[in-house]
N, C-alpha and C. Protein backbone atom coordinates (compact mmCIF):
# COMPACT_ATOMS: atom_id res chain seq x y z
N MET A 1 -17.68 0.05 -39.79
CA MET A 1 -17.93 0.36 -41.50
C MET A 1 -18.12 2.10 -41.61
N ILE A 2 -17.80 2.46 -42.70
CA ILE A 2 -17.81 3.57 -43.45
C ILE A 2 -19.41 3.53 -44.13
N PHE A 3 -19.77 4.83 -43.60
CA PHE A 3 -20.80 4.92 -44.30
C PHE A 3 -20.44 6.54 -45.38
N LYS A 4 -20.78 7.07 -46.41
CA LYS A 4 -20.73 7.21 -47.67
C LYS A 4 -21.76 7.90 -48.02
N ASN A 5 -22.22 9.84 -48.04
CA ASN A 5 -23.08 10.54 -47.88
C ASN A 5 -24.20 9.89 -47.26
N ASN A 6 -24.60 8.93 -45.96
CA ASN A 6 -25.60 9.21 -44.90
C ASN A 6 -26.62 7.80 -46.41
N SER A 7 -25.97 6.98 -47.29
CA SER A 7 -26.88 6.87 -48.06
C SER A 7 -27.16 5.11 -47.77
N TYR A 8 -26.78 4.75 -46.05
CA TYR A 8 -26.70 2.89 -45.67
C TYR A 8 -27.67 3.25 -44.62
N LYS A 9 -29.08 2.71 -45.17
CA LYS A 9 -30.08 2.83 -44.88
C LYS A 9 -30.89 1.19 -44.53
N LEU A 10 -31.24 0.68 -43.68
CA LEU A 10 -31.92 -0.45 -43.41
C LEU A 10 -32.88 -0.15 -43.60
N ASP A 11 -33.72 -1.57 -44.47
CA ASP A 11 -34.66 -1.86 -45.02
C ASP A 11 -36.02 -2.34 -43.91
N ARG A 12 -36.83 -3.13 -43.85
CA ARG A 12 -37.91 -3.05 -42.92
C ARG A 12 -37.67 -4.22 -42.21
N ASN A 13 -37.37 -5.14 -43.05
CA ASN A 13 -36.92 -6.78 -42.59
C ASN A 13 -35.61 -6.31 -41.64
N GLN A 14 -33.94 -5.88 -42.62
CA GLN A 14 -33.19 -5.41 -41.70
C GLN A 14 -33.00 -4.42 -40.00
N LYS A 15 -34.13 -3.70 -40.16
CA LYS A 15 -34.87 -3.02 -39.06
C LYS A 15 -35.20 -3.87 -37.67
N LEU A 16 -36.30 -4.82 -38.10
CA LEU A 16 -37.28 -5.58 -37.58
C LEU A 16 -36.20 -6.58 -36.64
N LEU A 17 -35.16 -7.51 -37.34
CA LEU A 17 -33.92 -8.18 -37.48
C LEU A 17 -33.15 -7.55 -35.89
N GLN A 18 -32.84 -6.58 -36.23
CA GLN A 18 -31.60 -5.85 -35.50
C GLN A 18 -32.95 -5.91 -34.29
N SER A 19 -33.86 -5.50 -34.37
CA SER A 19 -34.83 -5.15 -32.75
C SER A 19 -34.74 -6.54 -32.12
N TYR A 20 -35.12 -7.82 -32.69
CA TYR A 20 -35.12 -8.48 -32.40
C TYR A 20 -33.97 -9.22 -31.72
N LYS A 21 -32.55 -8.63 -32.51
CA LYS A 21 -31.75 -9.07 -31.34
C LYS A 21 -30.94 -7.98 -30.36
N TYR A 22 -31.70 -6.82 -30.30
CA TYR A 22 -31.79 -5.85 -29.63
C TYR A 22 -32.62 -7.15 -28.53
N VAL A 23 -33.62 -7.49 -28.42
CA VAL A 23 -34.75 -7.91 -27.25
C VAL A 23 -34.13 -8.71 -26.82
N ALA A 24 -33.90 -9.78 -27.70
CA ALA A 24 -32.52 -11.20 -27.20
C ALA A 24 -31.36 -10.70 -26.50
N ASN A 25 -30.23 -9.45 -26.51
CA ASN A 25 -29.62 -9.75 -25.60
C ASN A 25 -30.43 -9.01 -24.50
N SER A 26 -30.66 -8.15 -24.70
CA SER A 26 -31.83 -7.67 -23.38
C SER A 26 -32.34 -8.69 -22.22
N ILE A 27 -32.89 -9.88 -23.07
CA ILE A 27 -33.65 -11.10 -22.28
C ILE A 27 -32.03 -11.93 -22.16
N ILE A 28 -31.12 -12.13 -22.45
CA ILE A 28 -30.14 -12.58 -22.06
C ILE A 28 -29.43 -11.72 -20.71
N GLU A 29 -29.19 -10.85 -20.79
CA GLU A 29 -28.84 -9.56 -19.94
C GLU A 29 -29.98 -9.41 -18.59
N ILE A 30 -30.81 -9.87 -18.46
CA ILE A 30 -31.82 -10.33 -17.89
C ILE A 30 -31.45 -11.37 -17.00
N LYS A 31 -31.53 -12.13 -17.92
CA LYS A 31 -31.61 -13.51 -16.88
C LYS A 31 -30.28 -13.76 -16.68
N ASN A 32 -29.33 -13.10 -17.10
CA ASN A 32 -27.95 -13.51 -16.21
C ASN A 32 -27.18 -12.73 -15.03
N THR A 33 -27.99 -11.31 -15.76
CA THR A 33 -27.73 -10.01 -14.03
C THR A 33 -28.67 -10.70 -13.10
N ASN A 34 -30.16 -11.18 -13.08
CA ASN A 34 -31.03 -11.44 -11.96
C ASN A 34 -31.30 -12.81 -11.58
N SER A 35 -30.65 -14.15 -12.31
CA SER A 35 -30.54 -15.86 -12.52
C SER A 35 -31.90 -16.03 -12.71
N TYR A 36 -32.57 -15.04 -13.61
CA TYR A 36 -33.91 -15.75 -13.87
C TYR A 36 -33.87 -16.40 -14.86
N ASN A 37 -34.44 -17.72 -14.76
CA ASN A 37 -35.18 -19.17 -16.27
C ASN A 37 -35.62 -18.86 -16.79
N VAL A 38 -36.86 -18.31 -16.08
CA VAL A 38 -38.41 -18.58 -16.85
C VAL A 38 -39.08 -16.96 -17.02
N ILE A 39 -38.80 -16.53 -18.57
CA ILE A 39 -39.21 -15.30 -18.23
C ILE A 39 -40.74 -15.32 -19.56
N GLY A 40 -41.80 -14.84 -19.05
CA GLY A 40 -42.80 -14.45 -19.48
C GLY A 40 -42.50 -12.73 -20.37
N ILE A 41 -43.75 -12.99 -21.81
CA ILE A 41 -43.87 -12.17 -22.79
C ILE A 41 -45.51 -12.09 -22.86
N SER A 42 -45.64 -11.18 -22.82
CA SER A 42 -47.08 -10.98 -22.47
C SER A 42 -47.51 -9.12 -22.88
N SER A 43 -48.74 -8.74 -23.01
CA SER A 43 -49.38 -7.30 -23.68
C SER A 43 -50.66 -7.26 -23.05
N SER A 44 -50.76 -5.73 -22.64
CA SER A 44 -52.34 -5.49 -21.77
C SER A 44 -53.37 -6.12 -23.38
N LEU A 45 -53.36 -5.91 -24.34
CA LEU A 45 -54.09 -6.39 -24.86
C LEU A 45 -53.51 -7.42 -26.13
N ASN A 46 -55.35 -7.39 -27.00
CA ASN A 46 -54.56 -8.55 -27.56
C ASN A 46 -53.89 -8.67 -29.14
N TYR A 47 -52.51 -9.45 -29.10
CA TYR A 47 -52.63 -8.59 -30.87
C TYR A 47 -52.01 -10.05 -32.02
N LYS A 48 -52.30 -11.19 -31.02
CA LYS A 48 -52.03 -12.49 -31.68
C LYS A 48 -51.08 -12.35 -32.37
N GLU A 49 -51.91 -12.40 -34.24
CA GLU A 49 -50.44 -12.44 -34.82
C GLU A 49 -49.32 -11.86 -34.36
N SER A 50 -49.33 -10.39 -34.52
CA SER A 50 -48.00 -10.42 -34.69
C SER A 50 -47.13 -10.13 -33.57
N LYS A 51 -47.61 -10.27 -32.28
CA LYS A 51 -47.03 -10.18 -31.39
C LYS A 51 -46.55 -11.96 -31.06
N TYR A 52 -46.86 -13.11 -31.40
CA TYR A 52 -46.63 -14.04 -31.81
C TYR A 52 -45.38 -14.33 -32.06
N ILE A 53 -45.74 -13.25 -34.16
CA ILE A 53 -44.27 -13.49 -34.33
C ILE A 53 -43.03 -12.91 -34.09
N ALA A 54 -43.56 -12.02 -33.13
CA ALA A 54 -42.37 -11.10 -32.44
C ALA A 54 -41.70 -12.13 -31.49
N VAL A 55 -42.41 -12.78 -30.43
CA VAL A 55 -42.00 -14.16 -29.69
C VAL A 55 -40.89 -14.95 -30.43
N LYS A 56 -41.66 -15.16 -31.23
CA LYS A 56 -40.95 -16.47 -32.16
C LYS A 56 -39.38 -16.14 -32.47
N ASN A 57 -39.89 -14.61 -33.22
CA ASN A 57 -38.27 -14.45 -33.86
C ASN A 57 -37.33 -13.93 -32.75
N VAL A 58 -37.64 -13.11 -31.83
CA VAL A 58 -36.63 -13.37 -30.55
C VAL A 58 -36.24 -14.49 -29.88
N TYR A 59 -37.37 -15.37 -29.75
CA TYR A 59 -37.16 -16.74 -29.65
C TYR A 59 -35.82 -17.48 -30.36
N ASN A 60 -35.80 -17.22 -31.57
CA ASN A 60 -35.09 -17.83 -32.67
C ASN A 60 -34.01 -17.45 -32.60
N GLN A 61 -33.52 -15.72 -32.15
CA GLN A 61 -32.39 -15.34 -31.87
C GLN A 61 -31.69 -15.57 -30.53
N LEU A 62 -32.63 -16.00 -29.75
CA LEU A 62 -32.45 -16.63 -28.39
C LEU A 62 -31.09 -18.08 -28.79
N ILE A 63 -31.90 -18.84 -29.28
CA ILE A 63 -31.41 -19.77 -30.20
C ILE A 63 -29.79 -19.99 -31.07
N ASP A 64 -29.99 -18.26 -31.48
CA ASP A 64 -28.87 -18.55 -32.75
C ASP A 64 -27.73 -18.08 -31.51
N LYS A 65 -28.03 -16.96 -30.65
CA LYS A 65 -26.87 -17.16 -29.50
C LYS A 65 -26.83 -18.35 -28.95
N GLY A 66 -27.18 -19.34 -28.77
CA GLY A 66 -26.11 -20.77 -28.40
C GLY A 66 -27.31 -21.05 -27.03
N LEU A 67 -28.06 -20.45 -26.87
CA LEU A 67 -28.68 -20.65 -25.16
C LEU A 67 -29.41 -22.47 -25.66
N ASP A 68 -29.88 -23.35 -24.94
CA ASP A 68 -30.58 -24.11 -24.95
C ASP A 68 -31.97 -23.53 -24.41
N ALA A 69 -32.56 -23.47 -25.29
CA ALA A 69 -34.12 -22.62 -24.78
C ALA A 69 -35.34 -22.87 -24.83
N LEU A 70 -36.36 -22.94 -24.53
CA LEU A 70 -37.69 -23.09 -24.78
C LEU A 70 -38.98 -22.33 -25.24
N LEU A 71 -39.27 -22.71 -26.03
CA LEU A 71 -40.91 -21.50 -25.97
C LEU A 71 -41.89 -22.49 -25.60
N ILE A 72 -42.41 -21.82 -24.36
CA ILE A 72 -43.81 -22.58 -24.57
C ILE A 72 -45.17 -20.88 -25.03
N ASN A 73 -45.86 -21.57 -25.71
CA ASN A 73 -46.91 -20.76 -26.59
C ASN A 73 -48.27 -21.10 -26.10
N ALA A 74 -48.25 -20.68 -24.75
CA ALA A 74 -49.96 -20.18 -24.07
C ALA A 74 -50.62 -19.36 -24.45
N GLU A 75 -50.92 -18.97 -26.12
CA GLU A 75 -51.87 -18.04 -26.81
C GLU A 75 -53.57 -19.40 -26.60
N LEU A 76 -54.05 -18.75 -26.70
CA LEU A 76 -55.19 -19.32 -26.97
C LEU A 76 -55.34 -20.20 -28.52
N GLU A 77 -55.25 -19.23 -29.31
CA GLU A 77 -55.43 -19.70 -30.36
C GLU A 77 -54.19 -19.43 -31.72
N PRO A 78 -52.88 -19.96 -31.36
CA PRO A 78 -51.38 -19.42 -31.90
C PRO A 78 -51.28 -19.34 -33.27
N GLU A 79 -50.82 -18.71 -33.98
CA GLU A 79 -50.64 -18.55 -34.67
C GLU A 79 -49.24 -19.15 -35.84
N SER A 80 -49.73 -20.69 -35.56
CA SER A 80 -48.43 -21.61 -35.42
C SER A 80 -48.13 -22.04 -37.02
N ASN A 81 -48.54 -21.32 -37.76
CA ASN A 81 -48.09 -21.35 -39.16
C ASN A 81 -46.99 -19.83 -39.83
N SER A 82 -46.96 -19.39 -38.98
CA SER A 82 -46.62 -17.62 -39.46
C SER A 82 -45.45 -17.40 -39.33
N LEU A 83 -44.34 -18.43 -38.93
CA LEU A 83 -43.12 -18.35 -38.92
C LEU A 83 -42.57 -19.48 -38.82
N VAL A 84 -41.63 -20.24 -39.00
CA VAL A 84 -40.68 -21.63 -39.31
C VAL A 84 -39.82 -21.50 -38.42
N ASN A 85 -39.93 -22.15 -37.04
CA ASN A 85 -39.22 -22.05 -36.34
C ASN A 85 -37.51 -22.48 -37.05
N LYS A 86 -36.38 -21.85 -36.49
CA LYS A 86 -35.40 -22.68 -37.13
C LYS A 86 -34.89 -23.47 -36.57
N LYS A 87 -34.63 -23.80 -35.42
CA LYS A 87 -34.11 -24.91 -34.72
C LYS A 87 -34.93 -24.70 -32.77
N GLY A 88 -33.87 -25.10 -32.02
CA GLY A 88 -34.64 -25.44 -30.88
C GLY A 88 -35.85 -26.25 -30.43
N LYS A 89 -36.52 -25.94 -29.93
CA LYS A 89 -38.16 -26.24 -29.55
C LYS A 89 -38.91 -25.66 -29.01
N ILE A 90 -40.60 -25.50 -29.82
CA ILE A 90 -41.44 -24.50 -29.74
C ILE A 90 -42.88 -25.75 -29.25
N TRP A 91 -43.33 -25.28 -27.75
CA TRP A 91 -44.38 -25.67 -27.52
C TRP A 91 -45.40 -25.36 -27.66
N GLU A 92 -46.03 -26.41 -27.99
CA GLU A 92 -47.96 -24.71 -28.28
C GLU A 92 -48.88 -25.67 -27.42
N PHE A 93 -49.60 -24.62 -26.64
CA PHE A 93 -50.93 -25.01 -26.26
C PHE A 93 -52.35 -24.49 -26.25
N LYS A 94 -53.05 -25.29 -26.07
CA LYS A 94 -54.71 -24.60 -26.24
C LYS A 94 -55.27 -24.98 -25.14
N ASN A 95 -55.39 -23.89 -24.07
CA ASN A 95 -56.19 -23.63 -22.96
C ASN A 95 -55.88 -24.55 -22.07
N LEU A 96 -54.45 -24.47 -21.72
CA LEU A 96 -53.35 -25.21 -20.76
C LEU A 96 -53.33 -25.11 -19.51
N ASN A 97 -53.99 -25.70 -18.40
CA ASN A 97 -53.99 -24.90 -17.60
C ASN A 97 -52.92 -25.00 -16.43
N VAL A 98 -53.21 -23.72 -15.37
CA VAL A 98 -52.13 -23.84 -14.91
C VAL A 98 -51.23 -24.29 -14.23
N ASN A 99 -51.95 -25.46 -13.36
CA ASN A 99 -50.87 -26.85 -12.80
C ASN A 99 -50.38 -27.58 -14.07
N ASP A 100 -50.42 -27.31 -15.27
CA ASP A 100 -49.95 -28.48 -16.24
C ASP A 100 -48.73 -27.76 -16.44
N MET A 101 -49.30 -26.20 -16.43
CA MET A 101 -48.32 -25.23 -16.98
C MET A 101 -47.23 -25.19 -15.88
N LYS A 102 -47.22 -25.25 -14.79
CA LYS A 102 -46.28 -25.60 -13.39
C LYS A 102 -45.71 -26.65 -13.42
N ASN A 103 -46.16 -27.79 -13.66
CA ASN A 103 -45.66 -29.19 -13.84
C ASN A 103 -44.94 -29.17 -14.86
N ILE A 104 -44.42 -27.99 -16.21
CA ILE A 104 -44.21 -28.25 -17.54
C ILE A 104 -42.85 -27.45 -17.21
N ILE A 105 -43.01 -26.31 -16.65
CA ILE A 105 -41.77 -25.62 -16.26
C ILE A 105 -40.72 -26.15 -14.78
N LEU A 106 -41.46 -26.98 -14.33
CA LEU A 106 -40.62 -27.47 -13.01
C LEU A 106 -39.81 -28.91 -13.65
N GLU A 107 -40.42 -28.92 -14.14
CA GLU A 107 -39.81 -30.33 -15.71
C GLU A 107 -38.46 -29.53 -16.49
N GLU A 108 -38.73 -29.02 -17.37
CA GLU A 108 -37.99 -28.20 -18.27
C GLU A 108 -37.28 -27.08 -17.34
N LYS A 109 -37.07 -26.57 -16.46
CA LYS A 109 -36.46 -25.28 -16.07
C LYS A 109 -34.57 -25.53 -15.85
N GLU A 110 -35.10 -27.04 -15.14
CA GLU A 110 -33.28 -27.79 -15.21
C GLU A 110 -32.55 -28.35 -15.45
N LYS A 111 -33.43 -28.18 -17.25
CA LYS A 111 -32.79 -28.82 -18.31
C LYS A 111 -32.32 -28.30 -19.59
N ARG A 112 -32.44 -26.32 -19.39
CA ARG A 112 -31.92 -25.80 -20.60
C ARG A 112 -31.85 -24.71 -19.67
N ASP A 113 -31.61 -23.92 -20.42
CA ASP A 113 -30.73 -22.20 -20.07
C ASP A 113 -32.06 -21.44 -19.72
N LEU A 114 -33.16 -21.44 -20.50
CA LEU A 114 -33.95 -20.15 -20.71
C LEU A 114 -34.81 -21.26 -21.20
N ILE A 115 -36.37 -20.60 -20.53
CA ILE A 115 -37.98 -20.71 -21.06
C ILE A 115 -38.48 -19.73 -20.75
N LEU A 116 -38.82 -19.29 -22.45
CA LEU A 116 -39.86 -17.94 -22.87
C LEU A 116 -40.99 -18.34 -22.51
N ILE A 117 -42.13 -17.93 -22.17
CA ILE A 117 -43.29 -18.39 -22.17
C ILE A 117 -44.33 -16.87 -22.78
N ASN A 118 -44.90 -17.65 -24.13
CA ASN A 118 -45.57 -16.23 -24.99
C ASN A 118 -46.72 -16.56 -23.98
N ILE A 119 -47.28 -15.23 -23.19
CA ILE A 119 -48.34 -15.71 -22.19
C ILE A 119 -49.54 -15.01 -22.74
N PRO A 120 -50.69 -15.51 -22.97
CA PRO A 120 -51.96 -14.12 -23.20
C PRO A 120 -52.13 -12.97 -22.76
N PRO A 121 -52.86 -11.91 -23.25
CA PRO A 121 -52.59 -10.74 -22.88
C PRO A 121 -53.05 -10.73 -21.58
N ILE A 122 -53.02 -9.55 -20.41
CA ILE A 122 -53.24 -10.03 -19.24
C ILE A 122 -54.67 -9.23 -19.03
N LEU A 123 -54.81 -8.24 -19.48
CA LEU A 123 -56.80 -7.55 -19.97
C LEU A 123 -57.51 -8.78 -19.96
N ILE A 124 -57.26 -9.49 -20.46
CA ILE A 124 -58.52 -9.77 -21.55
C ILE A 124 -58.62 -12.24 -21.27
N MET A 125 -57.52 -12.28 -20.49
CA MET A 125 -57.30 -13.80 -20.12
C MET A 125 -57.70 -13.77 -18.51
N ALA A 126 -58.06 -14.64 -17.64
CA ALA A 126 -57.72 -14.35 -16.59
C ALA A 126 -55.97 -15.09 -15.92
N ASP A 127 -56.39 -16.03 -16.75
CA ASP A 127 -55.39 -17.27 -16.46
C ASP A 127 -53.88 -16.54 -16.63
N ALA A 128 -54.26 -15.49 -17.13
CA ALA A 128 -52.52 -14.76 -17.86
C ALA A 128 -51.92 -14.45 -17.07
N LEU A 129 -52.61 -13.68 -15.35
CA LEU A 129 -52.11 -13.69 -14.48
C LEU A 129 -51.32 -14.88 -14.07
N GLU A 130 -52.33 -15.80 -13.29
CA GLU A 130 -51.72 -17.24 -13.30
C GLU A 130 -50.59 -17.33 -13.51
N TYR A 131 -50.35 -17.47 -15.27
CA TYR A 131 -49.04 -17.79 -16.09
C TYR A 131 -48.06 -16.75 -15.63
N SER A 132 -48.40 -15.84 -15.61
CA SER A 132 -47.66 -14.76 -14.78
C SER A 132 -46.79 -14.66 -13.29
N LYS A 133 -47.11 -15.47 -12.41
CA LYS A 133 -46.69 -15.88 -11.49
C LYS A 133 -45.81 -16.77 -11.39
N LEU A 134 -46.42 -17.56 -12.50
CA LEU A 134 -45.33 -19.11 -12.84
C LEU A 134 -43.89 -18.44 -13.23
N CYS A 135 -43.68 -17.24 -13.84
CA CYS A 135 -42.12 -17.24 -14.67
C CYS A 135 -41.27 -16.30 -13.16
N ASP A 136 -40.16 -16.08 -13.49
CA ASP A 136 -39.48 -15.42 -13.17
C ASP A 136 -39.29 -13.78 -12.83
N SER A 137 -39.85 -12.99 -14.11
CA SER A 137 -39.98 -11.65 -14.48
C SER A 137 -40.67 -11.49 -16.04
N ILE A 138 -41.62 -10.79 -15.91
CA ILE A 138 -42.33 -10.06 -17.44
C ILE A 138 -41.46 -9.14 -18.15
N ILE A 139 -41.84 -9.41 -19.52
CA ILE A 139 -41.22 -8.56 -20.00
C ILE A 139 -42.82 -8.66 -20.85
N LEU A 140 -43.45 -6.82 -21.47
CA LEU A 140 -44.41 -6.57 -22.16
C LEU A 140 -44.04 -6.46 -23.24
N LEU A 141 -44.95 -6.47 -24.22
CA LEU A 141 -44.65 -6.30 -25.12
C LEU A 141 -45.62 -5.30 -25.83
N GLU A 142 -45.93 -4.26 -26.42
CA GLU A 142 -46.89 -3.48 -26.79
C GLU A 142 -46.80 -2.68 -27.76
N ARG A 143 -48.16 -2.70 -29.03
CA ARG A 143 -47.57 -2.43 -30.01
C ARG A 143 -48.49 -0.56 -30.20
N TYR A 144 -47.01 -0.26 -30.42
CA TYR A 144 -47.05 1.19 -30.68
C TYR A 144 -48.17 1.76 -31.68
N SER A 145 -49.16 2.58 -30.71
CA SER A 145 -50.15 3.14 -31.57
C SER A 145 -51.43 2.44 -31.72
N TYR A 146 -51.40 1.54 -31.32
CA TYR A 146 -52.27 0.63 -31.28
C TYR A 146 -52.52 0.31 -30.01
N SER A 147 -51.43 0.47 -28.86
CA SER A 147 -52.04 0.22 -27.00
C SER A 147 -52.85 1.46 -25.99
N LYS A 148 -53.39 1.41 -25.80
CA LYS A 148 -54.08 2.28 -24.78
C LYS A 148 -53.81 2.65 -23.59
N TYR A 149 -52.48 4.07 -23.51
CA TYR A 149 -52.19 4.25 -21.89
C TYR A 149 -52.80 3.79 -20.49
N ARG A 150 -54.24 3.49 -20.95
CA ARG A 150 -54.93 3.36 -20.09
C ARG A 150 -54.75 1.84 -20.10
N ASP A 151 -55.13 0.97 -20.62
CA ASP A 151 -55.01 -0.15 -20.67
C ASP A 151 -53.68 -0.48 -20.12
N TYR A 152 -52.40 -0.15 -20.49
CA TYR A 152 -51.09 0.08 -20.37
C TYR A 152 -50.94 -0.24 -18.49
N GLU A 153 -51.23 1.16 -17.85
CA GLU A 153 -51.87 1.26 -17.45
C GLU A 153 -52.68 0.33 -16.21
N ASN A 154 -53.21 -0.43 -16.07
CA ASN A 154 -54.18 -1.17 -16.03
C ASN A 154 -53.58 -2.50 -16.10
N THR A 155 -52.45 -2.82 -17.11
CA THR A 155 -52.05 -4.16 -17.30
C THR A 155 -50.59 -3.96 -15.69
N ILE A 156 -50.12 -2.62 -15.75
CA ILE A 156 -49.05 -2.96 -14.60
C ILE A 156 -49.70 -3.13 -13.28
N ALA A 157 -50.38 -2.66 -13.02
CA ALA A 157 -51.09 -2.26 -12.16
C ALA A 157 -51.30 -3.51 -11.94
N GLN A 158 -52.37 -4.41 -12.03
CA GLN A 158 -52.03 -5.86 -12.32
C GLN A 158 -51.15 -6.51 -11.79
N LEU A 159 -50.09 -6.01 -12.64
CA LEU A 159 -48.97 -7.41 -12.58
C LEU A 159 -48.48 -7.07 -10.84
N ASN A 160 -48.35 -5.43 -11.03
CA ASN A 160 -47.33 -4.93 -9.35
C ASN A 160 -48.64 -5.51 -8.23
N ASP A 161 -49.42 -5.57 -8.31
CA ASP A 161 -50.85 -6.64 -7.45
C ASP A 161 -50.87 -7.50 -7.01
N ASN A 162 -50.54 -8.15 -7.48
CA ASN A 162 -50.11 -9.59 -8.22
C ASN A 162 -48.07 -10.16 -7.37
N ASN A 163 -47.64 -9.04 -7.51
CA ASN A 163 -45.84 -9.16 -7.02
C ASN A 163 -45.43 -9.87 -8.33
N ILE A 164 -45.45 -9.75 -9.22
CA ILE A 164 -45.27 -10.46 -10.47
C ILE A 164 -44.26 -8.68 -11.25
N ASN A 165 -43.00 -9.37 -11.43
CA ASN A 165 -41.67 -8.53 -11.91
C ASN A 165 -42.22 -8.46 -12.61
N ILE A 166 -41.52 -6.91 -13.20
CA ILE A 166 -41.56 -6.34 -14.45
C ILE A 166 -40.64 -6.15 -15.00
N SER A 167 -39.75 -6.98 -15.93
CA SER A 167 -38.60 -6.35 -16.24
C SER A 167 -38.38 -5.37 -17.81
N GLY A 168 -39.31 -5.10 -18.32
CA GLY A 168 -39.76 -3.68 -19.30
C GLY A 168 -40.82 -3.98 -19.88
N VAL A 169 -40.45 -3.14 -20.81
CA VAL A 169 -41.88 -3.13 -22.11
C VAL A 169 -41.27 -3.07 -22.95
N ILE A 170 -41.67 -3.54 -24.49
CA ILE A 170 -41.09 -3.59 -25.83
C ILE A 170 -41.92 -2.83 -26.42
N THR A 171 -41.75 -1.97 -27.12
CA THR A 171 -42.97 -0.97 -27.62
C THR A 171 -42.07 -2.39 -29.31
N TYR A 172 -43.60 -1.63 -30.40
CA TYR A 172 -43.60 -2.62 -31.89
C TYR A 172 -44.56 -1.90 -32.56
N ARG A 173 -44.12 -1.76 -33.87
CA ARG A 173 -44.95 -1.63 -34.62
C ARG A 173 -45.45 -2.36 -35.28
């Protein structure tokens, strides 16, 4: 692509789409490099709608790339109408207990290329750590200029104390 006079600029939606594609590519790389089939996405604090929209958009990018993926939304109050799913399958649960989640993962793990779990914030919900233990790896999604460094450090410490693998941190606005 040729740029004339640096006039080529992405608008906000194009930038977001590029970000979602980048995250999806990173998840595919993590999956393929480490043979991870169950990846959780969580945060230190509660950003409900914006985090869930980001997770759903990343999921849609994974579907667009041809993965047979399942998104399990384990947030307490999912913003289920915030984005229409293109294709694939999204399961949403309120107050899903850990044993039921484990059974769902065991049943679906062999059927799909990837299971992506939207896990409640680590510092807010006690079950979030238990959900995280069911994943091969966790990616933290932190909101730029809203996440406090102390909260982020505490989240990392809790995950490390429970021997939960962290693949990376994504920041967004």
